[in-house]
Amino acid sequence: MGDFLSQTTNVIERRSPFPEPDLALSDSLWLSTDQASRTAYLYFSSYPDLEDMTLFAQSVSRHLETNEIRNLIIDLRDNGGGD
């Protein structure tokens, strides 16, 4: 299990163009922003349950609006899709 978490952390460090997530539901769903470029990066490798996703989406929406983010990158590269 420890190896998996280390690998996941390495993926996050390698993929994110910005230093730290501003919002994180898990290692598989988080958002980081760069105020200077007004850009947000959303990493989305797996879908949580509906309630958690709804709450996370509402938080992201508020965060983007409050911080006047104008550009959004949604990274689905590690998302294997659904049924």
PDB file of N, CA and C in Angstrom:
ATOM      1  N   MET A   1       0.825  -1.201   0.000  1.00  0.00           N
ATOM      2  CA  MET A   1       0.000   0.000   0.000  1.00  0.00           C
ATOM      3  C   MET A   1       0.860   1.250   0.000  1.00  0.00           C
ATOM      4  N   GLY A   2       1.941   1.251   0.774  1.00  0.00           N
ATOM      5  CA  GLY A   2       2.823   2.402   0.824  1.00  0.00           C
ATOM      6  C   GLY A   2       3.414   2.735  -0.526  1.00  0.00           C
ATOM      7  N   ASP A   3       3.779   1.708  -1.306  1.00  0.00           N
ATOM      8  CA  ASP A   3       4.333   1.948  -2.633  1.00  0.00           C
ATOM      9  C   ASP A   3       3.326   2.632  -3.539  1.00  0.00           C
ATOM     10  N   PHE A   4       2.059   2.201  -3.449  1.00  0.00           N
ATOM     11  CA  PHE A   4       1.025   2.810  -4.267  1.00  0.00           C
ATOM     12  C   PHE A   4       0.869   4.291  -3.941  1.00  0.00           C
ATOM     13  N   LEU A   5       0.830   4.629  -2.647  1.00  0.00           N
ATOM     14  CA  LEU A   5       0.691   6.026  -2.258  1.00  0.00           C
ATOM     15  C   LEU A   5       1.883   6.849  -2.726  1.00  0.00           C
ATOM     16  N   SER A   6       3.064   6.298  -2.660  1.00  0.00           N
ATOM     17  CA  SER A   6       4.252   7.005  -3.144  1.00  0.00           C
ATOM     18  C   SER A   6       4.148   7.259  -4.633  1.00  0.00           C
ATOM     19  N   GLN A   7       3.689   6.254  -5.371  1.00  0.00           N
ATOM     20  CA  GLN A   7       3.540   6.414  -6.814  1.00  0.00           C
ATOM     21  C   GLN A   7       2.480   7.460  -7.132  1.00  0.00           C
ATOM     22  N   THR A   8       1.380   7.456  -6.380  1.00  0.00           N
ATOM     23  CA  THR A   8       0.323   8.434  -6.605  1.00  0.00           C
ATOM     24  C   THR A   8       0.838   9.843  -6.323  1.00  0.00           C
ATOM     25  N   THR A   9       1.578  10.011  -5.248  1.00  0.00           N
ATOM     26  CA  THR A   9       2.147  11.317  -4.932  1.00  0.00           C
ATOM     27  C   THR A   9       3.080  11.769  -6.046  1.00  0.00           C
ATOM     28  N   ASN A  10       3.866  10.856  -6.582  1.00  0.00           N
ATOM     29  CA  ASN A  10       4.767  11.205  -7.675  1.00  0.00           C
ATOM     30  C   ASN A  10       3.994  11.641  -8.912  1.00  0.00           C
ATOM     31  N   VAL A  11       2.874  10.994  -9.189  1.00  0.00           N
ATOM     32  CA  VAL A  11       2.040  11.391 -10.326  1.00  0.00           C
ATOM     33  C   VAL A  11       1.537  12.808 -10.116  1.00  0.00           C
ATOM     34  N   ILE A  12       1.051  13.108  -8.909  1.00  0.00           N
ATOM     35  CA  ILE A  12       0.542  14.447  -8.620  1.00  0.00           C
ATOM     36  C   ILE A  12       1.651  15.480  -8.794  1.00  0.00           C
ATOM     37  N   GLU A  13       2.812  15.215  -8.249  1.00  0.00           N
ATOM     38  CA  GLU A  13       3.919  16.163  -8.363  1.00  0.00           C
ATOM     39  C   GLU A  13       4.325  16.355  -9.819  1.00  0.00           C
ATOM     40  N   ARG A  14       4.295  15.292 -10.586  1.00  0.00           N
ATOM     41  CA  ARG A  14       4.726  15.360 -11.975  1.00  0.00           C
ATOM     42  C   ARG A  14       3.683  16.048 -12.850  1.00  0.00           C
ATOM     43  N   ARG A  15       2.405  15.859 -12.559  1.00  0.00           N
ATOM     44  CA  ARG A  15       1.338  16.364 -13.425  1.00  0.00           C
ATOM     45  C   ARG A  15       0.933  17.810 -13.161  1.00  0.00           C
ATOM     46  N   SER A  16       0.942  18.223 -11.920  1.00  0.00           N
ATOM     47  CA  SER A  16       0.415  19.539 -11.596  1.00  0.00           C
ATOM     48  C   SER A  16       1.371  20.650 -12.017  1.00  0.00           C
ATOM     49  N   PRO A  17       0.872  21.608 -12.772  1.00  0.00           N
ATOM     50  CA  PRO A  17       1.716  22.739 -13.146  1.00  0.00           C
ATOM     51  C   PRO A  17       1.865  23.755 -12.006  1.00  0.00           C
ATOM     52  N   PHE A  18       1.099  23.577 -10.936  1.00  0.00           N
ATOM     53  CA  PHE A  18       1.124  24.493  -9.804  1.00  0.00           C
ATOM     54  C   PHE A  18       1.536  23.736  -8.546  1.00  0.00           C
ATOM     55  N   PRO A  19       2.067  24.432  -7.551  1.00  0.00           N
ATOM     56  CA  PRO A  19       2.698  23.765  -6.407  1.00  0.00           C
ATOM     57  C   PRO A  19       1.797  22.868  -5.560  1.00  0.00           C
ATOM     58  N   GLU A  20       0.728  23.364  -5.014  1.00  0.00           N
ATOM     59  CA  GLU A  20      -0.089  22.618  -4.055  1.00  0.00           C
ATOM     60  C   GLU A  20      -1.561  22.685  -4.442  1.00  0.00           C
ATOM     61  N   PRO A  21      -2.305  21.603  -4.202  1.00  0.00           N
ATOM     62  CA  PRO A  21      -3.759  21.676  -4.438  1.00  0.00           C
ATOM     63  C   PRO A  21      -4.422  22.690  -3.501  1.00  0.00           C
ATOM     64  N   ASP A  22      -5.364  23.431  -4.039  1.00  0.00           N
ATOM     65  CA  ASP A  22      -6.160  24.352  -3.228  1.00  0.00           C
ATOM     66  C   ASP A  22      -7.360  23.621  -2.625  1.00  0.00           C
ATOM     67  N   LEU A  23      -7.899  22.683  -3.381  1.00  0.00           N
ATOM     68  CA  LEU A  23      -9.009  21.853  -2.933  1.00  0.00           C
ATOM     69  C   LEU A  23      -8.668  20.412  -3.286  1.00  0.00           C
ATOM     70  N   ALA A  24      -8.929  19.501  -2.377  1.00  0.00           N
ATOM     71  CA  ALA A  24      -8.662  18.090  -2.667  1.00  0.00           C
ATOM     72  C   ALA A  24      -9.706  17.216  -1.998  1.00  0.00           C
ATOM     73  N   LEU A  25     -10.315  16.367  -2.784  1.00  0.00           N
ATOM     74  CA  LEU A  25     -11.226  15.373  -2.230  1.00  0.00           C
ATOM     75  C   LEU A  25     -10.431  14.108  -1.921  1.00  0.00           C
ATOM     76  N   SER A  26      -9.460  13.815  -2.766  1.00  0.00           N
ATOM     77  CA  SER A  26      -8.609  12.638  -2.602  1.00  0.00           C
ATOM     78  C   SER A  26      -7.404  12.806  -3.518  1.00  0.00           C
ATOM     79  N   ASP A  27      -6.548  11.792  -3.573  1.00  0.00           N
ATOM     80  CA  ASP A  27      -5.423  11.830  -4.508  1.00  0.00           C
ATOM     81  C   ASP A  27      -5.890  11.737  -5.954  1.00  0.00           C
ATOM     82  N   SER A  28      -7.136  11.339  -6.158  1.00  0.00           N
ATOM     83  CA  SER A  28      -7.637  11.161  -7.518  1.00  0.00           C
ATOM     84  C   SER A  28      -8.538  12.302  -7.995  1.00  0.00           C
ATOM     85  N   LEU A  29      -8.806  13.281  -7.128  1.00  0.00           N
ATOM     86  CA  LEU A  29      -9.657  14.408  -7.521  1.00  0.00           C
ATOM     87  C   LEU A  29      -9.267  15.635  -6.713  1.00  0.00           C
ATOM     88  N   TRP A  30      -8.615  16.592  -7.386  1.00  0.00           N
ATOM     89  CA  TRP A  30      -8.165  17.800  -6.701  1.00  0.00           C
ATOM     90  C   TRP A  30      -8.007  18.940  -7.689  1.00  0.00           C
ATOM     91  N   LEU A  31      -7.902  20.139  -7.137  1.00  0.00           N
ATOM     92  CA  LEU A  31      -7.795  21.362  -7.941  1.00  0.00           C
ATOM     93  C   LEU A  31      -6.668  22.218  -7.392  1.00  0.00           C
ATOM     94  N   SER A  32      -5.835  22.726  -8.288  1.00  0.00           N
ATOM     95  CA  SER A  32      -4.833  23.713  -7.893  1.00  0.00           C
ATOM     96  C   SER A  32      -4.955  24.907  -8.833  1.00  0.00           C
ATOM     97  N   THR A  33      -4.573  26.079  -8.342  1.00  0.00           N
ATOM     98  CA  THR A  33      -4.725  27.293  -9.150  1.00  0.00           C
ATOM     99  C   THR A  33      -3.457  28.127  -9.149  1.00  0.00           C
ATOM    100  N   ASP A  34      -3.347  28.923 -10.197  1.00  0.00           N
ATOM    101  CA  ASP A  34      -2.273  29.902 -10.323  1.00  0.00           C
ATOM    102  C   ASP A  34      -2.932  31.262 -10.514  1.00  0.00           C
ATOM    103  N   GLN A  35      -2.840  32.085  -9.487  1.00  0.00           N
ATOM    104  CA  GLN A  35      -3.495  33.384  -9.531  1.00  0.00           C
ATOM    105  C   GLN A  35      -2.939  34.283 -10.639  1.00  0.00           C
ATOM    106  N   ALA A  36      -1.646  34.242 -10.851  1.00  0.00           N
ATOM    107  CA  ALA A  36      -1.018  35.130 -11.844  1.00  0.00           C
ATOM    108  C   ALA A  36      -1.603  34.924 -13.238  1.00  0.00           C
ATOM    109  N   SER A  37      -1.815  33.681 -13.608  1.00  0.00           N
ATOM    110  CA  SER A  37      -2.351  33.399 -14.944  1.00  0.00           C
ATOM    111  C   SER A  37      -3.864  33.181 -14.932  1.00  0.00           C
ATOM    112  N   ARG A  38      -4.461  33.228 -13.719  1.00  0.00           N
ATOM    113  CA  ARG A  38      -5.897  32.999 -13.544  1.00  0.00           C
ATOM    114  C   ARG A  38      -6.314  31.663 -14.143  1.00  0.00           C
ATOM    115  N   THR A  39      -5.481  30.659 -13.845  1.00  0.00           N
ATOM    116  CA  THR A  39      -5.680  29.321 -14.394  1.00  0.00           C
ATOM    117  C   THR A  39      -5.828  28.305 -13.273  1.00  0.00           C
ATOM    118  N   ALA A  40      -6.754  27.376 -13.458  1.00  0.00           N
ATOM    119  CA  ALA A  40      -6.938  26.274 -12.518  1.00  0.00           C
ATOM    120  C   ALA A  40      -6.676  24.964 -13.247  1.00  0.00           C
ATOM    121  N   TYR A  41      -6.150  24.009 -12.500  1.00  0.00           N
ATOM    122  CA  TYR A  41      -5.849  22.682 -13.014  1.00  0.00           C
ATOM    123  C   TYR A  41      -6.632  21.682 -12.169  1.00  0.00           C
ATOM    124  N   LEU A  42      -7.516  20.936 -12.812  1.00  0.00           N
ATOM    125  CA  LEU A  42      -8.343  19.951 -12.125  1.00  0.00           C
ATOM    126  C   LEU A  42      -7.880  18.558 -12.520  1.00  0.00           C
ATOM    127  N   TYR A  43      -7.366  17.818 -11.541  1.00  0.00           N
ATOM    128  CA  TYR A  43      -6.925  16.441 -11.769  1.00  0.00           C
ATOM    129  C   TYR A  43      -8.082  15.527 -11.407  1.00  0.00           C
ATOM    130  N   PHE A  44      -8.461  14.637 -12.334  1.00  0.00           N
ATOM    131  CA  PHE A  44      -9.663  13.835 -12.171  1.00  0.00           C
ATOM    132  C   PHE A  44      -9.394  12.426 -12.700  1.00  0.00           C
ATOM    133  N   SER A  45      -8.883  11.551 -11.821  1.00  0.00           N
ATOM    134  CA  SER A  45      -8.564  10.205 -12.285  1.00  0.00           C
ATOM    135  C   SER A  45      -9.626   9.172 -11.929  1.00  0.00           C
ATOM    136  N   SER A  46     -10.480   9.481 -10.962  1.00  0.00           N
ATOM    137  CA  SER A  46     -11.598   8.576 -10.672  1.00  0.00           C
ATOM    138  C   SER A  46     -12.752   9.358 -10.044  1.00  0.00           C
ATOM    139  N   TYR A  47     -13.933   8.804 -10.213  1.00  0.00           N
ATOM    140  CA  TYR A  47     -15.157   9.461  -9.780  1.00  0.00           C
ATOM    141  C   TYR A  47     -15.533   8.994  -8.376  1.00  0.00           C
ATOM    142  N   PRO A  48     -15.733   9.926  -7.440  1.00  0.00           N
ATOM    143  CA  PRO A  48     -16.187   9.535  -6.100  1.00  0.00           C
ATOM    144  C   PRO A  48     -17.691   9.263  -6.114  1.00  0.00           C
ATOM    145  N   ASP A  49     -18.270   8.997  -4.949  1.00  0.00           N
ATOM    146  CA  ASP A  49     -19.725   8.821  -4.910  1.00  0.00           C
ATOM    147  C   ASP A  49     -20.402  10.154  -5.225  1.00  0.00           C
ATOM    148  N   LEU A  50     -21.656  10.085  -5.580  1.00  0.00           N
ATOM    149  CA  LEU A  50     -22.391  11.261  -6.064  1.00  0.00           C
ATOM    150  C   LEU A  50     -22.408  12.406  -5.061  1.00  0.00           C
ATOM    151  N   GLU A  51     -22.631  12.093  -3.794  1.00  0.00           N
ATOM    152  CA  GLU A  51     -22.684  13.154  -2.777  1.00  0.00           C
ATOM    153  C   GLU A  51     -21.345  13.889  -2.663  1.00  0.00           C
ATOM    154  N   ASP A  52     -20.245  13.129  -2.596  1.00  0.00           N
ATOM    155  CA  ASP A  52     -18.920  13.754  -2.504  1.00  0.00           C
ATOM    156  C   ASP A  52     -18.611  14.566  -3.760  1.00  0.00           C
ATOM    157  N   MET A  53     -18.994  14.033  -4.919  1.00  0.00           N
ATOM    158  CA  MET A  53     -18.733  14.748  -6.170  1.00  0.00           C
ATOM    159  C   MET A  53     -19.518  16.050  -6.224  1.00  0.00           C
ATOM    160  N   THR A  54     -20.749  16.011  -5.783  1.00  0.00           N
ATOM    161  CA  THR A  54     -21.587  17.211  -5.775  1.00  0.00           C
ATOM    162  C   THR A  54     -20.983  18.288  -4.871  1.00  0.00           C
ATOM    163  N   LEU A  55     -20.572  17.897  -3.675  1.00  0.00           N
ATOM    164  CA  LEU A  55     -19.968  18.853  -2.742  1.00  0.00           C
ATOM    165  C   LEU A  55     -18.648  19.396  -3.289  1.00  0.00           C
ATOM    166  N   PHE A  56     -17.834  18.536  -3.892  1.00  0.00           N
ATOM    167  CA  PHE A  56     -16.572  18.983  -4.467  1.00  0.00           C
ATOM    168  C   PHE A  56     -16.827  19.951  -5.625  1.00  0.00           C
ATOM    169  N   ALA A  57     -17.770  19.622  -6.498  1.00  0.00           N
ATOM    170  CA  ALA A  57     -18.092  20.492  -7.642  1.00  0.00           C
ATOM    171  C   ALA A  57     -18.571  21.865  -7.171  1.00  0.00           C
ATOM    172  N   GLN A  58     -19.372  21.900  -6.129  1.00  0.00           N
ATOM    173  CA  GLN A  58     -19.832  23.185  -5.582  1.00  0.00           C
ATOM    174  C   GLN A  58     -18.658  23.983  -5.023  1.00  0.00           C
ATOM    175  N   SER A  59     -17.740  23.313  -4.346  1.00  0.00           N
ATOM    176  CA  SER A  59     -16.554  23.987  -3.802  1.00  0.00           C
ATOM    177  C   SER A  59     -15.675  24.529  -4.921  1.00  0.00           C
ATOM    178  N   VAL A  60     -15.512  23.738  -5.966  1.00  0.00           N
ATOM    179  CA  VAL A  60     -14.713  24.181  -7.114  1.00  0.00           C
ATOM    180  C   VAL A  60     -15.352  25.400  -7.755  1.00  0.00           C
ATOM    181  N   SER A  61     -16.643  25.364  -7.951  1.00  0.00           N
ATOM    182  CA  SER A  61     -17.354  26.479  -8.569  1.00  0.00           C
ATOM    183  C   SER A  61     -17.160  27.770  -7.766  1.00  0.00           C
ATOM    184  N   ARG A  62     -17.334  27.667  -6.452  1.00  0.00           N
ATOM    185  CA  ARG A  62     -17.140  28.848  -5.589  1.00  0.00           C
ATOM    186  C   ARG A  62     -15.693  29.339  -5.662  1.00  0.00           C
ATOM    187  N   HIS A  63     -14.752  28.408  -5.633  1.00  0.00           N
ATOM    188  CA  HIS A  63     -13.328  28.761  -5.660  1.00  0.00           C
ATOM    189  C   HIS A  63     -12.971  29.478  -6.970  1.00  0.00           C
ATOM    190  N   LEU A  64     -13.457  28.955  -8.085  1.00  0.00           N
ATOM    191  CA  LEU A  64     -13.162  29.568  -9.388  1.00  0.00           C
ATOM    192  C   LEU A  64     -13.747  30.978  -9.471  1.00  0.00           C
ATOM    193  N   GLU A  65     -14.968  31.130  -8.990  1.00  0.00           N
ATOM    194  CA  GLU A  65     -15.616  32.440  -9.038  1.00  0.00           C
ATOM    195  C   GLU A  65     -14.941  33.429  -8.086  1.00  0.00           C
ATOM    196  N   THR A  66     -14.699  33.019  -6.863  1.00  0.00           N
ATOM    197  CA  THR A  66     -14.085  33.889  -5.859  1.00  0.00           C
ATOM    198  C   THR A  66     -12.699  34.361  -6.282  1.00  0.00           C
ATOM    199  N   ASN A  67     -11.945  33.473  -6.913  1.00  0.00           N
ATOM    200  CA  ASN A  67     -10.575  33.803  -7.318  1.00  0.00           C
ATOM    201  C   ASN A  67     -10.467  34.314  -8.749  1.00  0.00           C
ATOM    202  N   GLU A  68     -11.635  34.541  -9.382  1.00  0.00           N
ATOM    203  CA  GLU A  68     -11.705  35.077 -10.740  1.00  0.00           C
ATOM    204  C   GLU A  68     -10.841  34.286 -11.719  1.00  0.00           C
ATOM    205  N   ILE A  69     -10.950  32.972 -11.626  1.00  0.00           N
ATOM    206  CA  ILE A  69     -10.213  32.088 -12.520  1.00  0.00           C
ATOM    207  C   ILE A  69     -10.895  32.102 -13.889  1.00  0.00           C
ATOM    208  N   ARG A  70     -10.119  32.276 -14.929  1.00  0.00           N
ATOM    209  CA  ARG A  70     -10.662  32.375 -16.291  1.00  0.00           C
ATOM    210  C   ARG A  70     -10.300  31.190 -17.177  1.00  0.00           C
ATOM    211  N   ASN A  71      -9.311  30.400 -16.782  1.00  0.00           N
ATOM    212  CA  ASN A  71      -8.848  29.266 -17.578  1.00  0.00           C
ATOM    213  C   ASN A  71      -8.913  28.011 -16.717  1.00  0.00           C
ATOM    214  N   LEU A  72      -9.438  26.939 -17.279  1.00  0.00           N
ATOM    215  CA  LEU A  72      -9.562  25.687 -16.541  1.00  0.00           C
ATOM    216  C   LEU A  72      -9.005  24.546 -17.378  1.00  0.00           C
ATOM    217  N   ILE A  73      -8.047  23.839 -16.812  1.00  0.00           N
ATOM    218  CA  ILE A  73      -7.483  22.640 -17.434  1.00  0.00           C
ATOM    219  C   ILE A  73      -8.043  21.444 -16.669  1.00  0.00           C
ATOM    220  N   ILE A  74      -8.701  20.533 -17.369  1.00  0.00           N
ATOM    221  CA  ILE A  74      -9.226  19.323 -16.748  1.00  0.00           C
ATOM    222  C   ILE A  74      -8.411  18.153 -17.262  1.00  0.00           C
ATOM    223  N   ASP A  75      -7.676  17.515 -16.373  1.00  0.00           N
ATOM    224  CA  ASP A  75      -6.767  16.429 -16.737  1.00  0.00           C
ATOM    225  C   ASP A  75      -7.445  15.083 -16.487  1.00  0.00           C
ATOM    226  N   LEU A  76      -7.814  14.407 -17.567  1.00  0.00           N
ATOM    227  CA  LEU A  76      -8.464  13.102 -17.494  1.00  0.00           C
ATOM    228  C   LEU A  76      -7.532  11.973 -17.955  1.00  0.00           C
ATOM    229  N   ARG A  77      -6.267  12.262 -18.109  1.00  0.00           N
ATOM    230  CA  ARG A  77      -5.346  11.273 -18.679  1.00  0.00           C
ATOM    231  C   ARG A  77      -5.286   9.971 -17.890  1.00  0.00           C
ATOM    232  N   ASP A  78      -5.430  10.032 -16.573  1.00  0.00           N
ATOM    233  CA  ASP A  78      -5.355   8.823 -15.757  1.00  0.00           C
ATOM    234  C   ASP A  78      -6.735   8.252 -15.434  1.00  0.00           C
ATOM    235  N   ASN A  79      -7.779   8.815 -16.042  1.00  0.00           N
ATOM    236  CA  ASN A  79      -9.146   8.343 -15.810  1.00  0.00           C
ATOM    237  C   ASN A  79      -9.453   7.247 -16.824  1.00  0.00           C
ATOM    238  N   GLY A  80      -9.716   6.066 -16.305  1.00  0.00           N
ATOM    239  CA  GLY A  80      -9.964   4.917 -17.185  1.00  0.00           C
ATOM    240  C   GLY A  80     -11.365   4.838 -17.755  1.00  0.00           C
ATOM    241  N   GLY A  81     -12.219   5.773 -17.398  1.00  0.00           N
ATOM    242  CA  GLY A  81     -13.589   5.740 -17.899  1.00  0.00           C
ATOM    243  C   GLY A  81     -14.505   4.939 -16.991  1.00  0.00           C
ATOM    244  N   GLY A  82     -15.724   4.806 -17.395  1.00  0.00           N
ATOM    245  CA  GLY A  82     -16.710   4.115 -16.567  1.00  0.00           C
ATOM    246  C   GLY A  82     -17.163   2.819 -17.193  1.00  0.00           C
ATOM    247  N   ASP A  83     -18.295   2.362 -16.689  1.00  0.00           N
ATOM    248  CA  ASP A  83     -18.856   1.092 -17.189  1.00  0.00           C
ATOM    249  C   ASP A  83     -19.322   1.207 -18.607  1.00  0.00           C
TER     250      ASP A  83
END
